[in-house]
């Protein structure tokens, strides 16, 4: 029994190892698996969609494809700020129960692509309360700092993804 638990922990750690696109959000560094990132684009005109949650900014036309765009700051309950020349949209591919969805997420700035080893990734700490941290893949220790690795497939709930897919 103990060996199977240890092998499961090792397998989970190995699954988290890889290349991550890091980006800033309210002064904190976050990362998304590079395999989920389709492209990075500058801010562009976003067409608002009525009766959507505040974090849903609307949709964009990206080379003939309509893609929903969300503000990750608002999704995470952070205050909104004015966009700068470094603000950009990361187009990600999200797996949901209904299939794959292309979505744009607005971030403060993109930092770099890092190759993060399994040994440098720790589990999400227990905050002692009922905080939902299922969307956090782990905490990466990089050059004396900590980067929050996001599981972008879990950032949005099934109902939200369904609504975003319908909006697009």
N, C-alpha and C. Protein backbone atom coordinates (compact mmCIF):
# COMPACT_ATOMS: atom_id res chain seq x y z
N UNK A 1 0.84 -1.19 0.00
CA UNK A 1 0.00 0.00 0.00
C UNK A 1 0.87 1.25 0.00
N UNK A 2 1.87 1.28 0.87
CA UNK A 2 2.74 2.45 0.98
C UNK A 2 3.51 2.66 -0.32
N UNK A 3 3.96 1.58 -0.96
CA UNK A 3 4.68 1.67 -2.23
C UNK A 3 3.81 2.25 -3.33
N UNK A 4 2.52 1.88 -3.35
CA UNK A 4 1.63 2.41 -4.39
C UNK A 4 1.39 3.90 -4.19
N UNK A 5 1.30 4.35 -2.94
CA UNK A 5 1.13 5.78 -2.66
C UNK A 5 2.38 6.54 -3.11
N UNK A 6 3.55 6.01 -2.80
CA UNK A 6 4.80 6.66 -3.21
C UNK A 6 4.91 6.70 -4.72
N UNK A 7 4.58 5.61 -5.41
CA UNK A 7 4.67 5.61 -6.88
C UNK A 7 3.67 6.57 -7.49
N UNK A 8 2.51 6.73 -6.87
CA UNK A 8 1.51 7.68 -7.37
C UNK A 8 2.01 9.11 -7.21
N UNK A 9 2.66 9.42 -6.09
CA UNK A 9 3.22 10.75 -5.87
C UNK A 9 4.32 11.04 -6.88
N UNK A 10 5.18 10.05 -7.13
CA UNK A 10 6.27 10.21 -8.11
C UNK A 10 5.69 10.42 -9.50
N UNK A 11 4.67 9.66 -9.86
CA UNK A 11 4.04 9.79 -11.17
C UNK A 11 3.40 11.17 -11.32
N UNK A 12 2.70 11.67 -10.29
CA UNK A 12 2.09 12.98 -10.33
C UNK A 12 3.14 14.06 -10.50
N UNK A 13 4.23 13.95 -9.78
CA UNK A 13 5.32 14.93 -9.89
C UNK A 13 5.90 14.91 -11.29
N UNK A 14 6.10 13.74 -11.86
CA UNK A 14 6.65 13.63 -13.20
C UNK A 14 5.70 14.23 -14.23
N UNK A 15 4.38 14.10 -14.02
CA UNK A 15 3.40 14.67 -14.93
C UNK A 15 3.44 16.20 -14.93
N UNK A 16 3.88 16.80 -13.84
CA UNK A 16 3.93 18.25 -13.74
C UNK A 16 5.20 18.83 -14.34
N UNK A 17 6.22 18.01 -14.50
CA UNK A 17 7.49 18.48 -15.05
C UNK A 17 7.31 18.90 -16.51
N UNK A 18 7.99 19.96 -16.92
CA UNK A 18 7.93 20.37 -18.31
C UNK A 18 8.16 21.85 -18.50
N UNK A 19 7.81 22.32 -19.68
CA UNK A 19 7.97 23.73 -20.03
C UNK A 19 6.70 24.49 -19.69
N UNK A 20 6.89 25.66 -19.08
CA UNK A 20 5.77 26.51 -18.67
C UNK A 20 5.97 27.93 -19.19
N UNK A 21 4.90 28.50 -19.72
CA UNK A 21 4.90 29.92 -20.07
C UNK A 21 4.56 30.66 -18.78
N UNK A 22 5.45 31.55 -18.35
CA UNK A 22 5.19 32.29 -17.13
C UNK A 22 4.69 33.69 -17.47
N UNK A 23 3.82 34.20 -16.60
CA UNK A 23 3.23 35.52 -16.82
C UNK A 23 2.94 36.17 -15.48
N UNK A 24 2.85 37.49 -15.52
CA UNK A 24 2.58 38.26 -14.30
C UNK A 24 1.09 38.57 -14.20
N UNK A 25 0.62 38.52 -12.97
CA UNK A 25 -0.77 38.85 -12.66
C UNK A 25 -0.74 39.47 -11.27
N UNK A 26 -1.01 40.76 -11.18
CA UNK A 26 -0.99 41.49 -9.91
C UNK A 26 0.33 41.31 -9.16
N UNK A 27 1.43 41.35 -9.90
CA UNK A 27 2.74 41.27 -9.28
C UNK A 27 3.20 39.86 -8.95
N UNK A 28 2.35 38.87 -9.15
CA UNK A 28 2.71 37.48 -8.87
C UNK A 28 3.01 36.76 -10.18
N UNK A 29 3.98 35.86 -10.13
CA UNK A 29 4.34 35.07 -11.31
C UNK A 29 3.55 33.77 -11.31
N UNK A 30 2.93 33.49 -12.44
CA UNK A 30 2.15 32.26 -12.64
C UNK A 30 2.70 31.54 -13.85
N UNK A 31 2.31 30.29 -14.02
CA UNK A 31 2.74 29.54 -15.18
C UNK A 31 1.65 28.62 -15.69
N UNK A 32 1.66 28.42 -17.01
CA UNK A 32 0.74 27.50 -17.67
C UNK A 32 1.59 26.58 -18.54
N UNK A 33 1.26 25.31 -18.56
CA UNK A 33 1.98 24.37 -19.41
C UNK A 33 2.01 24.89 -20.84
N UNK A 34 3.18 24.89 -21.44
CA UNK A 34 3.35 25.41 -22.79
C UNK A 34 2.51 24.60 -23.79
N UNK A 35 2.19 23.36 -23.44
CA UNK A 35 1.36 22.53 -24.31
C UNK A 35 -0.07 23.04 -24.42
N UNK A 36 -0.50 23.83 -23.44
CA UNK A 36 -1.85 24.41 -23.45
C UNK A 36 -1.91 25.74 -24.21
N UNK A 37 -0.75 26.36 -24.45
CA UNK A 37 -0.70 27.68 -25.07
C UNK A 37 -0.66 27.54 -26.59
N UNK A 38 -1.59 28.22 -27.26
CA UNK A 38 -1.63 28.19 -28.72
C UNK A 38 -0.90 29.40 -29.30
N UNK A 39 -1.07 30.57 -28.69
CA UNK A 39 -0.35 31.76 -29.13
C UNK A 39 -0.53 32.89 -28.13
N UNK A 40 0.30 33.91 -28.31
CA UNK A 40 0.24 35.11 -27.47
C UNK A 40 0.02 36.28 -28.42
N UNK A 41 -1.01 37.08 -28.14
CA UNK A 41 -1.30 38.23 -29.00
C UNK A 41 -1.42 39.49 -28.14
N UNK A 42 -1.17 40.62 -28.77
CA UNK A 42 -1.36 41.89 -28.08
C UNK A 42 -2.84 42.15 -27.88
N UNK A 43 -3.13 43.13 -27.05
CA UNK A 43 -4.53 43.49 -26.81
C UNK A 43 -5.14 43.95 -28.13
N UNK A 44 -6.38 43.59 -28.32
CA UNK A 44 -7.12 43.99 -29.51
C UNK A 44 -8.56 44.28 -29.11
N UNK A 45 -9.34 44.74 -30.06
CA UNK A 45 -10.73 45.07 -29.77
C UNK A 45 -11.49 43.82 -29.36
N UNK A 46 -12.15 43.91 -28.20
CA UNK A 46 -12.94 42.81 -27.67
C UNK A 46 -14.41 43.22 -27.75
N UNK A 47 -15.21 42.38 -28.38
CA UNK A 47 -16.65 42.65 -28.49
C UNK A 47 -17.34 42.11 -27.25
N UNK A 48 -17.97 43.01 -26.45
CA UNK A 48 -18.63 42.54 -25.22
C UNK A 48 -19.83 41.65 -25.52
N UNK A 49 -20.11 40.73 -24.61
CA UNK A 49 -21.27 39.85 -24.71
C UNK A 49 -22.18 40.18 -23.52
N UNK A 50 -23.44 40.56 -23.79
CA UNK A 50 -24.33 40.90 -22.67
C UNK A 50 -24.65 39.69 -21.79
N UNK A 51 -24.96 39.99 -20.54
CA UNK A 51 -25.38 39.00 -19.55
C UNK A 51 -24.36 37.90 -19.31
N UNK A 52 -23.08 38.27 -19.30
CA UNK A 52 -22.03 37.31 -18.95
C UNK A 52 -21.40 37.77 -17.65
N UNK A 53 -20.72 36.88 -16.94
CA UNK A 53 -20.06 37.29 -15.70
C UNK A 53 -19.05 38.41 -15.97
N UNK A 54 -18.74 39.17 -14.92
CA UNK A 54 -17.85 40.33 -15.06
C UNK A 54 -16.48 39.96 -15.63
N UNK A 55 -15.97 38.76 -15.29
CA UNK A 55 -14.64 38.39 -15.76
C UNK A 55 -14.62 38.04 -17.25
N UNK A 56 -15.78 37.79 -17.86
CA UNK A 56 -15.85 37.52 -19.30
C UNK A 56 -15.88 38.86 -20.02
N UNK A 57 -14.81 39.16 -20.72
CA UNK A 57 -14.70 40.46 -21.38
C UNK A 57 -15.42 40.49 -22.71
N UNK A 58 -15.62 39.32 -23.34
CA UNK A 58 -16.31 39.26 -24.63
C UNK A 58 -15.63 38.28 -25.55
N UNK A 59 -15.67 38.59 -26.84
CA UNK A 59 -15.06 37.71 -27.84
C UNK A 59 -14.18 38.52 -28.78
N UNK A 60 -13.22 37.81 -29.40
CA UNK A 60 -12.38 38.43 -30.43
C UNK A 60 -12.49 37.58 -31.70
N UNK A 61 -12.17 38.22 -32.81
CA UNK A 61 -12.10 37.51 -34.08
C UNK A 61 -10.63 37.31 -34.38
N UNK A 62 -10.17 36.09 -34.24
CA UNK A 62 -8.76 35.77 -34.46
C UNK A 62 -8.65 34.93 -35.73
N UNK A 63 -8.28 35.60 -36.80
CA UNK A 63 -8.14 34.95 -38.12
C UNK A 63 -9.39 34.14 -38.48
N UNK A 64 -10.55 34.77 -38.31
CA UNK A 64 -11.81 34.14 -38.70
C UNK A 64 -12.43 33.24 -37.67
N UNK A 65 -11.79 33.06 -36.53
CA UNK A 65 -12.34 32.23 -35.46
C UNK A 65 -12.77 33.13 -34.30
N UNK A 66 -13.97 32.93 -33.80
CA UNK A 66 -14.47 33.71 -32.67
C UNK A 66 -14.05 33.01 -31.39
N UNK A 67 -13.30 33.75 -30.54
CA UNK A 67 -12.74 33.17 -29.32
C UNK A 67 -13.18 34.00 -28.11
N UNK A 68 -13.74 33.34 -27.07
CA UNK A 68 -14.08 34.09 -25.86
C UNK A 68 -12.81 34.55 -25.14
N UNK A 69 -12.90 35.71 -24.48
CA UNK A 69 -11.76 36.27 -23.75
C UNK A 69 -12.20 36.58 -22.32
N UNK A 70 -11.38 36.13 -21.36
CA UNK A 70 -11.65 36.40 -19.96
C UNK A 70 -10.48 37.15 -19.34
N UNK A 71 -10.79 37.96 -18.35
CA UNK A 71 -9.76 38.69 -17.60
C UNK A 71 -9.42 37.84 -16.38
N UNK A 72 -8.20 37.28 -16.37
CA UNK A 72 -7.81 36.38 -15.29
C UNK A 72 -7.76 37.09 -13.94
N UNK A 73 -7.44 38.39 -13.95
CA UNK A 73 -7.46 39.17 -12.70
C UNK A 73 -8.84 39.10 -12.06
N UNK A 74 -9.88 39.38 -12.86
CA UNK A 74 -11.24 39.40 -12.34
C UNK A 74 -11.70 37.99 -11.95
N UNK A 75 -11.30 36.99 -12.71
CA UNK A 75 -11.67 35.61 -12.39
C UNK A 75 -11.13 35.22 -11.02
N UNK A 76 -9.93 35.72 -10.70
CA UNK A 76 -9.31 35.38 -9.42
C UNK A 76 -9.65 36.39 -8.32
N UNK A 77 -10.59 37.30 -8.58
CA UNK A 77 -11.04 38.22 -7.55
C UNK A 77 -10.07 39.37 -7.27
N UNK A 78 -9.20 39.67 -8.21
CA UNK A 78 -8.25 40.78 -8.05
C UNK A 78 -8.87 42.05 -8.62
N UNK A 79 -8.32 43.18 -8.23
CA UNK A 79 -8.86 44.43 -8.76
C UNK A 79 -8.43 44.62 -10.21
N UNK A 80 -9.27 45.28 -10.97
CA UNK A 80 -8.96 45.53 -12.37
C UNK A 80 -7.99 46.71 -12.47
N UNK A 81 -7.16 46.69 -13.49
CA UNK A 81 -6.24 47.80 -13.74
C UNK A 81 -6.33 48.19 -15.21
N UNK A 82 -5.84 49.38 -15.52
CA UNK A 82 -5.81 49.81 -16.91
C UNK A 82 -4.78 48.97 -17.66
N UNK A 83 -5.10 48.66 -18.91
CA UNK A 83 -4.17 47.87 -19.72
C UNK A 83 -2.97 48.73 -20.10
N UNK A 84 -1.81 48.08 -20.18
CA UNK A 84 -0.58 48.76 -20.57
C UNK A 84 -0.10 48.17 -21.89
N UNK A 85 1.05 48.63 -22.35
CA UNK A 85 1.60 48.09 -23.59
C UNK A 85 2.10 46.66 -23.40
N UNK A 86 2.22 46.20 -22.16
CA UNK A 86 2.66 44.82 -21.87
C UNK A 86 1.48 43.87 -21.65
N UNK A 87 0.28 44.41 -21.47
CA UNK A 87 -0.91 43.58 -21.29
C UNK A 87 -1.13 42.79 -22.57
N UNK A 88 -1.42 41.51 -22.44
CA UNK A 88 -1.64 40.71 -23.64
C UNK A 88 -2.67 39.61 -23.38
N UNK A 89 -3.01 38.93 -24.47
CA UNK A 89 -3.96 37.83 -24.42
C UNK A 89 -3.20 36.55 -24.76
N UNK A 90 -3.29 35.58 -23.86
CA UNK A 90 -2.72 34.26 -24.12
C UNK A 90 -3.88 33.38 -24.59
N UNK A 91 -3.77 32.85 -25.80
CA UNK A 91 -4.79 31.95 -26.31
C UNK A 91 -4.42 30.54 -25.86
N UNK A 92 -5.33 29.95 -25.08
CA UNK A 92 -5.09 28.61 -24.52
C UNK A 92 -6.14 27.63 -25.02
N UNK A 93 -5.79 26.36 -24.96
CA UNK A 93 -6.70 25.28 -25.32
C UNK A 93 -7.11 24.59 -24.03
N UNK A 94 -8.40 24.62 -23.75
CA UNK A 94 -8.93 24.06 -22.50
C UNK A 94 -9.74 22.80 -22.81
N UNK A 95 -9.50 21.76 -22.03
CA UNK A 95 -10.28 20.52 -22.16
C UNK A 95 -11.46 20.61 -21.20
N UNK A 96 -12.65 20.40 -21.73
CA UNK A 96 -13.85 20.39 -20.89
C UNK A 96 -14.63 19.12 -21.17
N UNK A 97 -15.70 18.94 -20.45
CA UNK A 97 -16.53 17.75 -20.64
C UNK A 97 -17.13 17.71 -22.04
N UNK A 98 -17.31 18.89 -22.64
CA UNK A 98 -17.91 18.96 -23.97
C UNK A 98 -16.88 18.98 -25.09
N UNK A 99 -15.60 18.95 -24.75
CA UNK A 99 -14.55 18.96 -25.77
C UNK A 99 -13.51 20.03 -25.53
N UNK A 100 -12.83 20.41 -26.59
CA UNK A 100 -11.76 21.39 -26.51
C UNK A 100 -12.30 22.78 -26.83
N UNK A 101 -11.89 23.76 -26.02
CA UNK A 101 -12.32 25.15 -26.23
C UNK A 101 -11.08 26.02 -26.34
N UNK A 102 -11.02 26.86 -27.37
CA UNK A 102 -9.98 27.88 -27.44
C UNK A 102 -10.49 29.09 -26.69
N UNK A 103 -9.64 29.66 -25.84
CA UNK A 103 -10.04 30.80 -25.03
C UNK A 103 -8.86 31.74 -24.86
N UNK A 104 -9.15 33.02 -24.83
CA UNK A 104 -8.11 34.01 -24.56
C UNK A 104 -8.18 34.41 -23.10
N UNK A 105 -7.01 34.51 -22.46
CA UNK A 105 -6.96 35.00 -21.08
C UNK A 105 -6.08 36.25 -21.06
N UNK A 106 -6.60 37.31 -20.47
CA UNK A 106 -5.87 38.56 -20.37
C UNK A 106 -4.97 38.51 -19.15
N UNK A 107 -3.67 38.80 -19.36
CA UNK A 107 -2.69 38.82 -18.28
C UNK A 107 -1.94 40.15 -18.32
N UNK A 108 -1.32 40.51 -17.20
CA UNK A 108 -0.60 41.78 -17.12
C UNK A 108 0.60 41.82 -18.07
N UNK A 109 1.36 40.73 -18.12
CA UNK A 109 2.50 40.64 -19.03
C UNK A 109 2.97 39.20 -19.09
N UNK A 110 3.61 38.85 -20.20
CA UNK A 110 4.20 37.53 -20.34
C UNK A 110 5.67 37.65 -19.97
N UNK A 111 6.19 36.67 -19.23
CA UNK A 111 7.57 36.73 -18.75
C UNK A 111 8.51 35.91 -19.63
N UNK A 112 8.45 34.58 -19.49
CA UNK A 112 9.37 33.72 -20.22
C UNK A 112 8.86 32.29 -20.21
N UNK A 113 9.54 31.43 -20.98
CA UNK A 113 9.26 30.00 -20.95
C UNK A 113 10.34 29.36 -20.11
N UNK A 114 9.92 28.60 -19.10
CA UNK A 114 10.85 27.94 -18.19
C UNK A 114 10.70 26.43 -18.29
N UNK A 115 11.82 25.72 -18.23
CA UNK A 115 11.79 24.27 -18.14
C UNK A 115 11.88 23.93 -16.65
N UNK A 116 10.80 23.44 -16.08
CA UNK A 116 10.74 23.20 -14.64
C UNK A 116 10.79 21.70 -14.37
N UNK A 117 11.74 21.30 -13.56
CA UNK A 117 11.94 19.89 -13.20
C UNK A 117 10.96 19.49 -12.10
N UNK A 118 10.63 18.22 -12.04
CA UNK A 118 9.69 17.69 -11.05
C UNK A 118 10.18 17.99 -9.62
N UNK A 119 11.50 17.93 -9.40
CA UNK A 119 12.05 18.19 -8.07
C UNK A 119 11.82 19.62 -7.60
N UNK A 120 11.59 20.53 -8.55
CA UNK A 120 11.39 21.94 -8.21
C UNK A 120 9.93 22.31 -8.04
N UNK A 121 9.04 21.33 -8.13
CA UNK A 121 7.60 21.58 -7.99
C UNK A 121 7.09 20.94 -6.71
N UNK A 122 6.49 21.76 -5.86
CA UNK A 122 5.89 21.25 -4.62
C UNK A 122 4.37 21.31 -4.72
N UNK A 123 3.72 20.48 -3.92
CA UNK A 123 2.26 20.50 -3.88
C UNK A 123 1.77 21.83 -3.33
N UNK A 124 0.54 22.15 -3.65
CA UNK A 124 -0.09 23.36 -3.13
C UNK A 124 -0.21 23.24 -1.62
N UNK A 125 0.24 24.26 -0.88
CA UNK A 125 0.15 24.16 0.58
C UNK A 125 -1.30 24.14 1.05
N UNK A 126 -1.51 23.52 2.21
CA UNK A 126 -2.82 23.49 2.83
C UNK A 126 -2.99 24.79 3.61
N UNK A 127 -3.99 25.57 3.24
CA UNK A 127 -4.20 26.86 3.89
C UNK A 127 -5.07 26.76 5.14
N UNK A 128 -5.49 25.55 5.49
CA UNK A 128 -6.23 25.34 6.73
C UNK A 128 -7.68 25.75 6.66
N UNK A 129 -8.15 26.14 5.49
CA UNK A 129 -9.57 26.51 5.34
C UNK A 129 -10.12 25.81 4.12
N UNK A 130 -11.34 26.09 3.81
CA UNK A 130 -11.98 25.46 2.66
C UNK A 130 -11.74 26.24 1.37
N UNK A 131 -10.53 26.68 1.14
CA UNK A 131 -10.20 27.37 -0.11
C UNK A 131 -10.12 26.36 -1.23
N UNK A 132 -10.67 26.72 -2.40
CA UNK A 132 -10.59 25.85 -3.56
C UNK A 132 -9.27 26.11 -4.28
N UNK A 133 -8.34 25.19 -4.15
CA UNK A 133 -7.05 25.33 -4.82
C UNK A 133 -6.84 24.23 -5.86
N UNK A 134 -7.94 23.59 -6.29
CA UNK A 134 -7.84 22.49 -7.25
C UNK A 134 -7.25 22.95 -8.58
N UNK A 135 -7.37 24.24 -8.89
CA UNK A 135 -6.85 24.76 -10.15
C UNK A 135 -5.34 25.05 -10.10
N UNK A 136 -4.73 24.87 -8.94
CA UNK A 136 -3.28 25.07 -8.81
C UNK A 136 -2.60 23.71 -8.93
N UNK A 137 -1.77 23.59 -9.95
CA UNK A 137 -1.04 22.35 -10.23
C UNK A 137 0.06 22.13 -9.21
N UNK A 138 0.69 23.23 -8.79
CA UNK A 138 1.77 23.14 -7.82
C UNK A 138 2.50 24.46 -7.72
N UNK A 139 3.50 24.48 -6.86
CA UNK A 139 4.32 25.67 -6.65
C UNK A 139 5.74 25.36 -7.14
N UNK A 140 6.20 26.14 -8.10
CA UNK A 140 7.53 25.91 -8.66
C UNK A 140 8.54 26.83 -7.99
N UNK A 141 9.64 26.24 -7.55
CA UNK A 141 10.72 27.02 -6.95
C UNK A 141 11.74 27.29 -8.05
N UNK A 142 11.85 28.58 -8.43
CA UNK A 142 12.73 28.97 -9.52
C UNK A 142 13.58 30.16 -9.10
N UNK A 143 14.89 29.96 -9.06
CA UNK A 143 15.83 31.05 -8.74
C UNK A 143 15.44 31.83 -7.48
N UNK A 144 15.09 31.14 -6.44
CA UNK A 144 14.78 31.79 -5.16
C UNK A 144 13.39 32.38 -5.06
N UNK A 145 12.58 32.22 -6.09
CA UNK A 145 11.21 32.73 -6.03
C UNK A 145 10.23 31.57 -6.25
N UNK A 146 8.96 31.84 -6.07
CA UNK A 146 7.92 30.83 -6.24
C UNK A 146 6.99 31.27 -7.37
N UNK A 147 6.71 30.35 -8.28
CA UNK A 147 5.76 30.61 -9.36
C UNK A 147 4.59 29.65 -9.19
N UNK A 148 3.38 30.18 -9.30
CA UNK A 148 2.17 29.38 -9.14
C UNK A 148 1.85 28.74 -10.49
N UNK A 149 1.87 27.42 -10.53
CA UNK A 149 1.56 26.71 -11.77
C UNK A 149 0.07 26.40 -11.80
N UNK A 150 -0.60 26.90 -12.84
CA UNK A 150 -2.05 26.75 -12.95
C UNK A 150 -2.41 25.57 -13.84
N UNK A 151 -3.43 24.84 -13.44
CA UNK A 151 -4.04 23.83 -14.29
C UNK A 151 -5.19 24.54 -14.98
N UNK A 152 -4.92 25.06 -16.18
CA UNK A 152 -5.88 25.93 -16.87
C UNK A 152 -7.20 25.20 -17.14
N UNK A 153 -7.16 23.87 -17.24
CA UNK A 153 -8.40 23.11 -17.45
C UNK A 153 -9.32 23.20 -16.23
N UNK A 154 -8.77 23.50 -15.05
CA UNK A 154 -9.57 23.54 -13.82
C UNK A 154 -9.87 24.95 -13.32
N UNK A 155 -9.31 25.97 -13.98
CA UNK A 155 -9.55 27.34 -13.55
C UNK A 155 -11.02 27.70 -13.73
N UNK A 156 -11.62 27.18 -14.78
CA UNK A 156 -13.02 27.48 -15.08
C UNK A 156 -13.87 26.25 -14.80
N UNK A 157 -15.03 26.47 -14.17
CA UNK A 157 -15.92 25.37 -13.85
C UNK A 157 -16.68 24.95 -15.11
N UNK A 158 -17.23 23.75 -15.09
CA UNK A 158 -17.91 23.19 -16.25
C UNK A 158 -19.01 24.12 -16.78
N UNK A 159 -19.79 24.70 -15.88
CA UNK A 159 -20.88 25.59 -16.29
C UNK A 159 -20.33 26.83 -16.98
N UNK A 160 -19.22 27.38 -16.45
CA UNK A 160 -18.61 28.55 -17.06
C UNK A 160 -18.09 28.23 -18.45
N UNK A 161 -17.45 27.06 -18.61
CA UNK A 161 -16.93 26.66 -19.91
C UNK A 161 -18.05 26.48 -20.91
N UNK A 162 -19.16 25.90 -20.48
CA UNK A 162 -20.31 25.73 -21.35
C UNK A 162 -20.83 27.07 -21.83
N UNK A 163 -20.95 28.03 -20.91
CA UNK A 163 -21.42 29.38 -21.26
C UNK A 163 -20.44 30.08 -22.21
N UNK A 164 -19.12 29.90 -21.97
CA UNK A 164 -18.12 30.52 -22.83
C UNK A 164 -18.17 29.92 -24.23
N UNK A 165 -18.35 28.61 -24.32
CA UNK A 165 -18.43 27.95 -25.62
C UNK A 165 -19.65 28.45 -26.39
N UNK A 166 -20.77 28.66 -25.68
CA UNK A 166 -21.98 29.17 -26.33
C UNK A 166 -21.79 30.60 -26.78
N UNK A 167 -21.06 31.39 -25.99
CA UNK A 167 -20.82 32.80 -26.35
C UNK A 167 -20.01 32.89 -27.64
N UNK A 168 -19.08 31.97 -27.82
CA UNK A 168 -18.24 31.98 -29.02
C UNK A 168 -19.02 31.45 -30.21
